[in-house]
Amino acid sequence: MANGITAADHVTLNLGEGGAVIATDFVDSTSIGYGSAGTDGGNGPAHFQVVKLSTGGAGEVALLSKTAPVFASIASIGDSGYLANGYLAIRGNTMGDQAVPVSLSGATLEVNSITIVGGTIDQIANGVSADIRSVASGVTFSVVGPGSRSGGDQAVFVGTTATDTVAVTGAVDIANVALPVGITSFTKTFNDSTLQTFNGFTLSSGVKVKNYYSGLEGLTPGASGPGGGLLCVGYTGALVAGASTGYLLSPGEEVFIEINNVDKILATSVNFDSAESFCHASILGT
């Protein structure tokens, strides 16, 4: 019977003999749904026994607690279908139609890979580095130079290191070529005891050097008037007066040298015998 009164929590077994107390919760209600018809209409108050669960297996006892919880597994999540794939979809709200907000303070976030399914990335705040592994058939790219200038974009610069080369295959359409904006010209007569230098002039393409000799004067070749001696052209610091160790030009011959400044070349007349020999060196640079 109940402790003291029936309408109270807990029931004492063998009350007269001092039996054990069974923990109950007395519910004073007339709509519980038990009893016999005719006495209480099938309804009435009742004691509900308080029961502790055990998580132990057969032959074991382990009362339910933080250290012995009830094991559970997710059987299904609505109609998402994600459970069968081995993962759960994480959304930013209960409706599942917002992204998960990520905010870090005093830490870094490393993302190894991102797969976008059915959506787009709206903004990348501080840039991203990427490489292109493959290009689908039919995809083309436009290549422009750095910045822009009046009249159109700047040209694309193609450069290599000292050990690399640039291979161009197929037809190449050259729209325009930048032309030099100035020239320099100079003619000088000198003999084999002179190492001729030239004043500096910045070149866009290069300089033409000619051993000028007309032969119309009827004078002896090699004399100071007509010239006609052998001209030797060399690089700064690698030629001495009267030497033949540079590039030799016979009277009337010329050579074009791709160089960026006139002051990098030297010239002298070559003396193959004891006679003094003169030549006329004429240059034209752009």
C-alpha atoms as a PDB file:
ATOM      1  CA  MET A   1       0.000   0.000   0.000  1.00  0.00           C
ATOM      2  CA  ALA A   2       0.996   3.610  -0.170  1.00  0.00           C
ATOM      3  CA  ASN A   3       3.075   5.402   2.425  1.00  0.00           C
ATOM      4  CA  GLY A   4       0.571   6.814   4.888  1.00  0.00           C
ATOM      5  CA  ILE A   5      -2.080   7.667   2.290  1.00  0.00           C
ATOM      6  CA  THR A   6      -2.865   6.138  -1.087  1.00  0.00           C
ATOM      7  CA  ALA A   7      -2.764   9.440  -2.968  1.00  0.00           C
ATOM      8  CA  ALA A   8       0.943  10.003  -2.329  1.00  0.00           C
ATOM      9  CA  ASP A   9       4.132   9.149  -4.185  1.00  0.00           C
ATOM     10  CA  HIS A  10       5.877   5.826  -3.457  1.00  0.00           C
ATOM     11  CA  VAL A  11       4.470   2.527  -2.227  1.00  0.00           C
ATOM     12  CA  THR A  12       5.731   0.488   0.751  1.00  0.00           C
ATOM     13  CA  LEU A  13       5.604  -3.265   0.328  1.00  0.00           C
ATOM     14  CA  ASN A  14       4.334  -5.206   3.391  1.00  0.00           C
ATOM     15  CA  LEU A  15       3.615  -2.017   5.223  1.00  0.00           C
ATOM     16  CA  GLY A  16       2.829  -3.734   8.495  1.00  0.00           C
ATOM     17  CA  GLU A  17       6.105  -5.584   8.508  1.00  0.00           C
ATOM     18  CA  GLY A  18       8.268  -2.699   7.314  1.00  0.00           C
ATOM     19  CA  GLY A  19       8.869  -3.847   3.715  1.00  0.00           C
ATOM     20  CA  ALA A  20      10.828  -2.089   0.941  1.00  0.00           C
ATOM     21  CA  VAL A  21       9.624   1.162  -0.593  1.00  0.00           C
ATOM     22  CA  ILE A  22       8.930   1.167  -4.317  1.00  0.00           C
ATOM     23  CA  ALA A  23       9.425   4.605  -5.908  1.00  0.00           C
ATOM     24  CA  THR A  24       6.305   5.771  -7.725  1.00  0.00           C
ATOM     25  CA  ASP A  25       4.781   8.904  -9.120  1.00  0.00           C
ATOM     26  CA  PHE A  26       1.117   9.323  -8.149  1.00  0.00           C
ATOM     27  CA  VAL A  27      -0.932  10.869 -10.943  1.00  0.00           C
ATOM     28  CA  ASP A  28      -4.321  12.143  -9.782  1.00  0.00           C
ATOM     29  CA  SER A  29      -6.217  12.112 -13.069  1.00  0.00           C
ATOM     30  CA  THR A  30      -9.518  10.698 -14.282  1.00  0.00           C
ATOM     31  CA  SER A  31      -8.459  10.315 -17.911  1.00  0.00           C
ATOM     32  CA  ILE A  32      -5.555   7.921 -17.714  1.00  0.00           C
ATOM     33  CA  GLY A  33      -7.398   5.125 -19.501  1.00  0.00           C
ATOM     34  CA  TYR A  34      -7.338   2.130 -17.150  1.00  0.00           C
ATOM     35  CA  GLY A  35      -9.689   0.492 -14.662  1.00  0.00           C
ATOM     36  CA  SER A  36     -12.978  -1.370 -15.054  1.00  0.00           C
ATOM     37  CA  ALA A  37     -16.197  -0.003 -16.405  1.00  0.00           C
ATOM     38  CA  GLY A  38     -18.899   0.654 -13.832  1.00  0.00           C
ATOM     39  CA  THR A  39     -16.561   1.685 -11.030  1.00  0.00           C
ATOM     40  CA  ASP A  40     -14.574   4.573 -12.430  1.00  0.00           C
ATOM     41  CA  GLY A  41     -15.701   4.551 -16.039  1.00  0.00           C
ATOM     42  CA  GLY A  42     -12.413   2.996 -17.165  1.00  0.00           C
ATOM     43  CA  ASN A  43     -10.407   5.906 -15.800  1.00  0.00           C
ATOM     44  CA  GLY A  44      -8.883   6.955 -12.539  1.00  0.00           C
ATOM     45  CA  PRO A  45      -5.744   8.034 -10.653  1.00  0.00           C
ATOM     46  CA  ALA A  46      -2.761   5.711 -10.543  1.00  0.00           C
ATOM     47  CA  HIS A  47       0.811   5.168  -9.302  1.00  0.00           C
ATOM     48  CA  PHE A  48       3.478   5.035 -12.014  1.00  0.00           C
ATOM     49  CA  GLN A  49       6.587   3.165 -10.963  1.00  0.00           C
ATOM     50  CA  VAL A  50       9.909   4.997 -11.293  1.00  0.00           C
ATOM     51  CA  VAL A  51      12.270   2.616 -13.139  1.00  0.00           C
ATOM     52  CA  LYS A  52      16.036   2.969 -13.686  1.00  0.00           C
ATOM     53  CA  LEU A  53      17.318   1.633 -17.019  1.00  0.00           C
ATOM     54  CA  SER A  54      20.288  -0.703 -17.309  1.00  0.00           C
ATOM     55  CA  THR A  55      22.541  -0.585 -20.364  1.00  0.00           C
ATOM     56  CA  GLY A  56      24.253  -3.891 -19.618  1.00  0.00           C
ATOM     57  CA  GLY A  57      23.988  -6.947 -21.799  1.00  0.00           C
ATOM     58  CA  ALA A  58      22.682 -10.363 -20.791  1.00  0.00           C
ATOM     59  CA  GLY A  59      24.025 -11.287 -17.360  1.00  0.00           C
ATOM     60  CA  GLU A  60      25.349  -7.765 -16.816  1.00  0.00           C
ATOM     61  CA  VAL A  61      24.125  -4.697 -14.961  1.00  0.00           C
ATOM     62  CA  ALA A  62      25.166  -1.134 -15.846  1.00  0.00           C
ATOM     63  CA  LEU A  63      22.819   1.545 -14.623  1.00  0.00           C
ATOM     64  CA  LEU A  64      22.249   4.344 -17.131  1.00  0.00           C
ATOM     65  CA  SER A  65      24.649   7.244 -16.414  1.00  0.00           C
ATOM     66  CA  LYS A  66      27.068   9.649 -18.113  1.00  0.00           C
ATOM     67  CA  THR A  67      29.705   6.943 -18.117  1.00  0.00           C
ATOM     68  CA  ALA A  68      27.256   4.226 -19.228  1.00  0.00           C
ATOM     69  CA  PRO A  69      24.943   5.955 -21.757  1.00  0.00           C
ATOM     70  CA  VAL A  70      22.404   4.394 -24.073  1.00  0.00           C
ATOM     71  CA  PHE A  71      23.926   3.612 -27.464  1.00  0.00           C
ATOM     72  CA  ALA A  72      22.001   4.861 -30.478  1.00  0.00           C
ATOM     73  CA  SER A  73      22.370   4.985 -34.247  1.00  0.00           C
ATOM     74  CA  ILE A  74      20.631   7.227 -36.773  1.00  0.00           C
ATOM     75  CA  ALA A  75      18.268   5.186 -38.903  1.00  0.00           C
ATOM     76  CA  SER A  76      17.065   7.932 -41.251  1.00  0.00           C
ATOM     77  CA  ILE A  77      16.899  11.706 -41.656  1.00  0.00           C
ATOM     78  CA  GLY A  78      13.735  12.676 -43.479  1.00  0.00           C
ATOM     79  CA  ASP A  79      14.136  12.198 -47.230  1.00  0.00           C
ATOM     80  CA  SER A  80      17.685  13.594 -47.499  1.00  0.00           C
ATOM     81  CA  GLY A  81      19.264  10.312 -48.554  1.00  0.00           C
ATOM     82  CA  TYR A  82      22.633  11.513 -47.202  1.00  0.00           C
ATOM     83  CA  LEU A  83      22.770   8.881 -44.465  1.00  0.00           C
ATOM     84  CA  ALA A  84      23.152   6.088 -47.034  1.00  0.00           C
ATOM     85  CA  ASN A  85      26.247   7.871 -48.387  1.00  0.00           C
ATOM     86  CA  GLY A  86      27.983   7.807 -45.010  1.00  0.00           C
ATOM     87  CA  TYR A  87      27.740  11.478 -44.043  1.00  0.00           C
ATOM     88  CA  LEU A  88      25.332  14.103 -42.768  1.00  0.00           C
ATOM     89  CA  ALA A  89      24.625  17.367 -44.509  1.00  0.00           C
ATOM     90  CA  ILE A  90      25.418  20.385 -42.328  1.00  0.00           C
ATOM     91  CA  ARG A  91      23.325  23.489 -42.943  1.00  0.00           C
ATOM     92  CA  GLY A  92      23.317  26.982 -41.496  1.00  0.00           C
ATOM     93  CA  ASN A  93      19.698  26.882 -40.370  1.00  0.00           C
ATOM     94  CA  THR A  94      16.932  24.401 -39.541  1.00  0.00           C
ATOM     95  CA  MET A  95      15.380  24.791 -42.997  1.00  0.00           C
ATOM     96  CA  GLY A  96      18.636  23.644 -44.626  1.00  0.00           C
ATOM     97  CA  ASP A  97      18.705  26.460 -47.182  1.00  0.00           C
ATOM     98  CA  GLN A  98      21.541  28.601 -45.778  1.00  0.00           C
ATOM     99  CA  ALA A  99      25.313  28.115 -45.715  1.00  0.00           C
ATOM    100  CA  VAL A 100      27.156  27.392 -42.490  1.00  0.00           C
ATOM    101  CA  PRO A 101      28.781  30.618 -41.239  1.00  0.00           C
ATOM    102  CA  VAL A 102      32.446  30.233 -40.291  1.00  0.00           C
ATOM    103  CA  SER A 103      34.162  32.815 -38.111  1.00  0.00           C
ATOM    104  CA  LEU A 104      37.689  32.563 -36.703  1.00  0.00           C
ATOM    105  CA  SER A 105      39.473  34.832 -34.277  1.00  0.00           C
ATOM    106  CA  GLY A 106      43.161  34.367 -33.519  1.00  0.00           C
ATOM    107  CA  ALA A 107      43.369  31.186 -35.576  1.00  0.00           C
ATOM    108  CA  THR A 108      43.801  30.020 -39.158  1.00  0.00           C
ATOM    109  CA  LEU A 109      41.597  27.799 -41.289  1.00  0.00           C
ATOM    110  CA  GLU A 110      43.151  25.449 -43.818  1.00  0.00           C
ATOM    111  CA  VAL A 111      40.907  24.131 -46.576  1.00  0.00           C
ATOM    112  CA  ASN A 112      42.482  21.382 -48.658  1.00  0.00           C
ATOM    113  CA  SER A 113      39.734  21.102 -51.246  1.00  0.00           C
ATOM    114  CA  ILE A 114      36.308  22.564 -51.995  1.00  0.00           C
ATOM    115  CA  THR A 115      33.639  20.921 -54.101  1.00  0.00           C
ATOM    116  CA  ILE A 116      30.779  23.150 -55.251  1.00  0.00           C
ATOM    117  CA  VAL A 117      27.556  21.300 -56.035  1.00  0.00           C
ATOM    118  CA  GLY A 118      24.696  23.307 -57.459  1.00  0.00           C
ATOM    119  CA  GLY A 119      25.962  26.711 -56.357  1.00  0.00           C
ATOM    120  CA  THR A 120      28.562  29.441 -56.850  1.00  0.00           C
ATOM    121  CA  ILE A 121      31.182  31.283 -54.818  1.00  0.00           C
ATOM    122  CA  ASP A 122      29.987  34.867 -54.479  1.00  0.00           C
ATOM    123  CA  GLN A 123      33.211  36.474 -53.254  1.00  0.00           C
ATOM    124  CA  ILE A 124      36.823  35.697 -52.395  1.00  0.00           C
ATOM    125  CA  ALA A 125      38.035  38.446 -50.085  1.00  0.00           C
ATOM    126  CA  ASN A 126      41.836  38.244 -50.321  1.00  0.00           C
ATOM    127  CA  GLY A 127      42.519  36.337 -53.520  1.00  0.00           C
ATOM    128  CA  VAL A 128      43.282  32.722 -54.282  1.00  0.00           C
ATOM    129  CA  SER A 129      46.074  30.827 -56.023  1.00  0.00           C
ATOM    130  CA  ALA A 130      45.258  28.068 -58.466  1.00  0.00           C
ATOM    131  CA  ASP A 131      46.646  26.144 -61.400  1.00  0.00           C
ATOM    132  CA  ILE A 132      44.820  24.839 -64.457  1.00  0.00           C
ATOM    133  CA  ARG A 133      45.179  21.065 -64.788  1.00  0.00           C
ATOM    134  CA  SER A 134      43.086  20.597 -67.922  1.00  0.00           C
ATOM    135  CA  VAL A 135      40.950  22.586 -70.361  1.00  0.00           C
ATOM    136  CA  ALA A 136      37.777  21.239 -71.900  1.00  0.00           C
ATOM    137  CA  SER A 137      37.486  21.057 -75.665  1.00  0.00           C
ATOM    138  CA  GLY A 138      36.296  24.329 -77.183  1.00  0.00           C
ATOM    139  CA  VAL A 139      37.429  26.552 -74.309  1.00  0.00           C
ATOM    140  CA  THR A 140      39.600  29.510 -75.342  1.00  0.00           C
ATOM    141  CA  PHE A 141      41.507  32.139 -73.355  1.00  0.00           C
ATOM    142  CA  SER A 142      42.252  35.772 -74.127  1.00  0.00           C
ATOM    143  CA  VAL A 143      45.749  36.921 -73.180  1.00  0.00           C
ATOM    144  CA  VAL A 144      46.449  40.616 -72.597  1.00  0.00           C
ATOM    145  CA  GLY A 145      49.462  42.539 -71.402  1.00  0.00           C
ATOM    146  CA  PRO A 146      49.811  44.250 -68.023  1.00  0.00           C
ATOM    147  CA  GLY A 147      47.580  47.316 -67.729  1.00  0.00           C
ATOM    148  CA  SER A 148      46.435  49.404 -70.641  1.00  0.00           C
ATOM    149  CA  ARG A 149      47.510  52.474 -72.540  1.00  0.00           C
ATOM    150  CA  SER A 150      45.948  54.905 -74.961  1.00  0.00           C
ATOM    151  CA  GLY A 151      44.922  53.134 -78.133  1.00  0.00           C
ATOM    152  CA  GLY A 152      44.658  49.619 -76.704  1.00  0.00           C
ATOM    153  CA  ASP A 153      46.152  47.065 -74.367  1.00  0.00           C
ATOM    154  CA  GLN A 154      49.866  46.669 -73.920  1.00  0.00           C
ATOM    155  CA  ALA A 155      51.606  43.861 -75.743  1.00  0.00           C
ATOM    156  CA  VAL A 156      52.228  40.536 -74.066  1.00  0.00           C
ATOM    157  CA  PHE A 157      55.870  40.204 -73.051  1.00  0.00           C
ATOM    158  CA  VAL A 158      57.529  36.853 -73.697  1.00  0.00           C
ATOM    159  CA  GLY A 159      60.868  36.299 -72.006  1.00  0.00           C
ATOM    160  CA  THR A 160      63.134  33.404 -71.117  1.00  0.00           C
ATOM    161  CA  THR A 161      65.990  32.674 -68.826  1.00  0.00           C
ATOM    162  CA  ALA A 162      69.500  32.162 -70.167  1.00  0.00           C
ATOM    163  CA  THR A 163      68.931  28.391 -70.507  1.00  0.00           C
ATOM    164  CA  ASP A 164      65.406  28.391 -71.974  1.00  0.00           C
ATOM    165  CA  THR A 165      64.050  29.009 -75.453  1.00  0.00           C
ATOM    166  CA  VAL A 166      60.676  30.080 -76.794  1.00  0.00           C
ATOM    167  CA  ALA A 167      59.260  27.876 -79.535  1.00  0.00           C
ATOM    168  CA  VAL A 168      56.722  29.476 -81.891  1.00  0.00           C
ATOM    169  CA  THR A 169      54.860  27.120 -84.210  1.00  0.00           C
ATOM    170  CA  GLY A 170      52.320  27.858 -86.880  1.00  0.00           C
ATOM    171  CA  ALA A 171      51.562  31.215 -88.471  1.00  0.00           C
ATOM    172  CA  VAL A 172      52.370  34.368 -86.519  1.00  0.00           C
ATOM    173  CA  ASP A 173      50.473  37.555 -87.285  1.00  0.00           C
ATOM    174  CA  ILE A 174      52.534  40.661 -86.434  1.00  0.00           C
ATOM    175  CA  ALA A 175      50.179  43.620 -86.278  1.00  0.00           C
ATOM    176  CA  ASN A 176      52.846  46.292 -85.959  1.00  0.00           C
ATOM    177  CA  VAL A 177      56.501  46.816 -85.143  1.00  0.00           C
ATOM    178  CA  ALA A 178      57.836  49.712 -83.084  1.00  0.00           C
ATOM    179  CA  LEU A 179      60.128  51.804 -85.285  1.00  0.00           C
ATOM    180  CA  PRO A 180      63.255  53.628 -84.082  1.00  0.00           C
ATOM    181  CA  VAL A 181      62.735  57.289 -83.243  1.00  0.00           C
ATOM    182  CA  GLY A 182      66.251  58.494 -84.149  1.00  0.00           C
ATOM    183  CA  ILE A 183      69.488  57.686 -85.981  1.00  0.00           C
ATOM    184  CA  THR A 184      73.172  58.322 -85.596  1.00  0.00           C
ATOM    185  CA  SER A 185      75.728  58.469 -88.433  1.00  0.00           C
ATOM    186  CA  PHE A 186      79.486  59.032 -88.507  1.00  0.00           C
ATOM    187  CA  THR A 187      82.364  58.718 -90.985  1.00  0.00           C
ATOM    188  CA  LYS A 188      86.022  58.898 -90.001  1.00  0.00           C
ATOM    189  CA  THR A 189      89.356  58.303 -91.724  1.00  0.00           C
ATOM    190  CA  PHE A 190      92.060  56.714 -89.552  1.00  0.00           C
ATOM    191  CA  ASN A 191      95.207  54.649 -89.941  1.00  0.00           C
ATOM    192  CA  ASP A 192      96.547  51.494 -88.375  1.00  0.00           C
ATOM    193  CA  SER A 193      97.994  53.327 -85.374  1.00  0.00           C
ATOM    194  CA  THR A 194      94.519  54.521 -84.305  1.00  0.00           C
ATOM    195  CA  LEU A 195      91.972  52.654 -82.171  1.00  0.00           C
ATOM    196  CA  GLN A 196      88.779  54.461 -83.113  1.00  0.00           C
ATOM    197  CA  THR A 197      86.040  54.845 -80.463  1.00  0.00           C
ATOM    198  CA  PHE A 198      82.489  56.118 -80.917  1.00  0.00           C
ATOM    199  CA  ASN A 199      80.341  58.374 -78.746  1.00  0.00           C
ATOM    200  CA  GLY A 200      77.444  56.767 -76.949  1.00  0.00           C
ATOM    201  CA  PHE A 201      74.079  56.541 -78.686  1.00  0.00           C
ATOM    202  CA  THR A 202      71.275  54.243 -77.500  1.00  0.00           C
ATOM    203  CA  LEU A 203      70.126  51.946 -80.297  1.00  0.00           C
ATOM    204  CA  SER A 204      66.759  50.280 -80.862  1.00  0.00           C
ATOM    205  CA  SER A 205      67.835  47.845 -83.564  1.00  0.00           C
ATOM    206  CA  GLY A 206      71.604  48.064 -84.098  1.00  0.00           C
ATOM    207  CA  VAL A 207      74.330  49.720 -86.151  1.00  0.00           C
ATOM    208  CA  LYS A 208      75.691  49.216 -89.679  1.00  0.00           C
ATOM    209  CA  VAL A 209      79.484  49.529 -90.095  1.00  0.00           C
ATOM    210  CA  LYS A 210      80.905  49.982 -93.621  1.00  0.00           C
ATOM    211  CA  ASN A 211      84.460  50.125 -94.941  1.00  0.00           C
ATOM    212  CA  TYR A 212      83.820  52.895 -97.447  1.00  0.00           C
ATOM    213  CA  TYR A 213      85.977  53.048-100.558  1.00  0.00           C
ATOM    214  CA  SER A 214      84.850  54.391-103.953  1.00  0.00           C
ATOM    215  CA  GLY A 215      88.060  53.913-105.967  1.00  0.00           C
ATOM    216  CA  LEU A 216      87.031  56.784-108.202  1.00  0.00           C
ATOM    217  CA  GLU A 217      89.723  59.136-107.081  1.00  0.00           C
ATOM    218  CA  GLY A 218      92.425  57.243-108.957  1.00  0.00           C
ATOM    219  CA  LEU A 219      94.633  57.329-105.907  1.00  0.00           C
ATOM    220  CA  THR A 220      96.601  54.532-104.341  1.00  0.00           C
ATOM    221  CA  PRO A 221      94.404  52.409-102.016  1.00  0.00           C
ATOM    222  CA  GLY A 222      95.465  52.723 -98.396  1.00  0.00           C
ATOM    223  CA  ALA A 223      96.538  56.361 -98.605  1.00  0.00           C
ATOM    224  CA  SER A 224      94.924  58.985 -96.418  1.00  0.00           C
ATOM    225  CA  GLY A 225      92.849  60.406 -99.246  1.00  0.00           C
ATOM    226  CA  PRO A 226      91.053  57.470-100.813  1.00  0.00           C
ATOM    227  CA  GLY A 227      91.320  55.049 -97.899  1.00  0.00           C
ATOM    228  CA  GLY A 228      90.835  51.469 -99.043  1.00  0.00           C
ATOM    229  CA  GLY A 229      92.696  49.753 -96.232  1.00  0.00           C
ATOM    230  CA  LEU A 230      91.367  46.689 -94.381  1.00  0.00           C
ATOM    231  CA  LEU A 231      88.920  47.624 -91.581  1.00  0.00           C
ATOM    232  CA  CYS A 232      88.783  45.611 -88.353  1.00  0.00           C
ATOM    233  CA  VAL A 233      85.792  45.960 -85.985  1.00  0.00           C
ATOM    234  CA  GLY A 234      85.812  44.662 -82.428  1.00  0.00           C
ATOM    235  CA  TYR A 235      84.150  44.933 -79.031  1.00  0.00           C
ATOM    236  CA  THR A 236      85.163  47.391 -76.334  1.00  0.00           C
ATOM    237  CA  GLY A 237      88.237  46.151 -74.497  1.00  0.00           C
ATOM    238  CA  ALA A 238      88.981  43.362 -76.980  1.00  0.00           C
ATOM    239  CA  LEU A 239      90.794  45.190 -79.796  1.00  0.00           C
ATOM    240  CA  VAL A 240      94.039  47.128 -80.167  1.00  0.00           C
ATOM    241  CA  ALA A 241      95.250  49.507 -82.881  1.00  0.00           C
ATOM    242  CA  GLY A 242      96.397  47.840 -86.113  1.00  0.00           C
ATOM    243  CA  ALA A 243      95.177  44.385 -85.007  1.00  0.00           C
ATOM    244  CA  SER A 244      93.287  41.895 -87.169  1.00  0.00           C
ATOM    245  CA  THR A 245      91.705  40.016 -84.244  1.00  0.00           C
ATOM    246  CA  GLY A 246      88.202  41.429 -84.805  1.00  0.00           C
ATOM    247  CA  TYR A 247      85.775  41.227 -87.703  1.00  0.00           C
ATOM    248  CA  LEU A 248      87.536  42.137 -90.971  1.00  0.00           C
ATOM    249  CA  LEU A 249      85.874  44.194 -93.697  1.00  0.00           C
ATOM    250  CA  SER A 250      87.435  44.609 -97.127  1.00  0.00           C
ATOM    251  CA  PRO A 251      86.938  47.916 -98.966  1.00  0.00           C
ATOM    252  CA  GLY A 252      83.262  48.243 -99.868  1.00  0.00           C
ATOM    253  CA  GLU A 253      82.047  45.603 -97.389  1.00  0.00           C
ATOM    254  CA  GLU A 254      79.643  46.308 -94.512  1.00  0.00           C
ATOM    255  CA  VAL A 255      78.180  44.486 -91.514  1.00  0.00           C
ATOM    256  CA  PHE A 256      75.089  45.046 -89.350  1.00  0.00           C
ATOM    257  CA  ILE A 257      75.660  44.557 -85.630  1.00  0.00           C
ATOM    258  CA  GLU A 258      72.695  44.075 -83.264  1.00  0.00           C
ATOM    259  CA  ILE A 259      73.830  46.046 -80.250  1.00  0.00           C
ATOM    260  CA  ASN A 260      72.196  48.512 -77.853  1.00  0.00           C
ATOM    261  CA  ASN A 261      74.788  51.322 -77.929  1.00  0.00           C
ATOM    262  CA  VAL A 262      77.353  52.586 -80.394  1.00  0.00           C
ATOM    263  CA  ASP A 263      79.991  53.091 -77.682  1.00  0.00           C
ATOM    264  CA  LYS A 264      80.414  49.310 -77.360  1.00  0.00           C
ATOM    265  CA  ILE A 265      82.320  48.940 -80.659  1.00  0.00           C
ATOM    266  CA  LEU A 266      85.925  49.785 -81.654  1.00  0.00           C
ATOM    267  CA  ALA A 267      87.543  50.026 -85.096  1.00  0.00           C
ATOM    268  CA  THR A 268      91.062  50.145 -86.510  1.00  0.00           C
ATOM    269  CA  SER A 269      92.838  49.872 -89.841  1.00  0.00           C
ATOM    270  CA  VAL A 270      94.896  46.709 -90.310  1.00  0.00           C
ATOM    271  CA  ASN A 271      98.580  46.903 -91.236  1.00  0.00           C
ATOM    272  CA  PHE A 272      99.772  43.730 -92.967  1.00  0.00           C
ATOM    273  CA  ASP A 273     103.135  45.257 -93.952  1.00  0.00           C
ATOM    274  CA  SER A 274     105.346  48.144 -92.896  1.00  0.00           C
ATOM    275  CA  ALA A 275     103.426  50.679 -95.032  1.00  0.00           C
ATOM    276  CA  GLU A 276     100.932  52.942 -93.356  1.00  0.00           C
ATOM    277  CA  SER A 277      97.320  52.011 -94.235  1.00  0.00           C
ATOM    278  CA  PHE A 278      94.223  54.213 -94.021  1.00  0.00           C
ATOM    279  CA  CYS A 279      90.529  53.310 -94.205  1.00  0.00           C
ATOM    280  CA  HIS A 280      87.241  55.147 -94.080  1.00  0.00           C
ATOM    281  CA  ALA A 281      84.856  53.753 -91.419  1.00  0.00           C
ATOM    282  CA  SER A 282      81.232  54.823 -91.847  1.00  0.00           C
ATOM    283  CA  ILE A 283      78.482  53.896 -89.366  1.00  0.00           C
ATOM    284  CA  LEU A 284      74.669  54.260 -89.371  1.00  0.00           C
ATOM    285  CA  GLY A 285      72.750  53.337 -86.208  1.00  0.00           C
ATOM    286  CA  THR A 286      69.034  53.346 -85.319  1.00  0.00           C
END
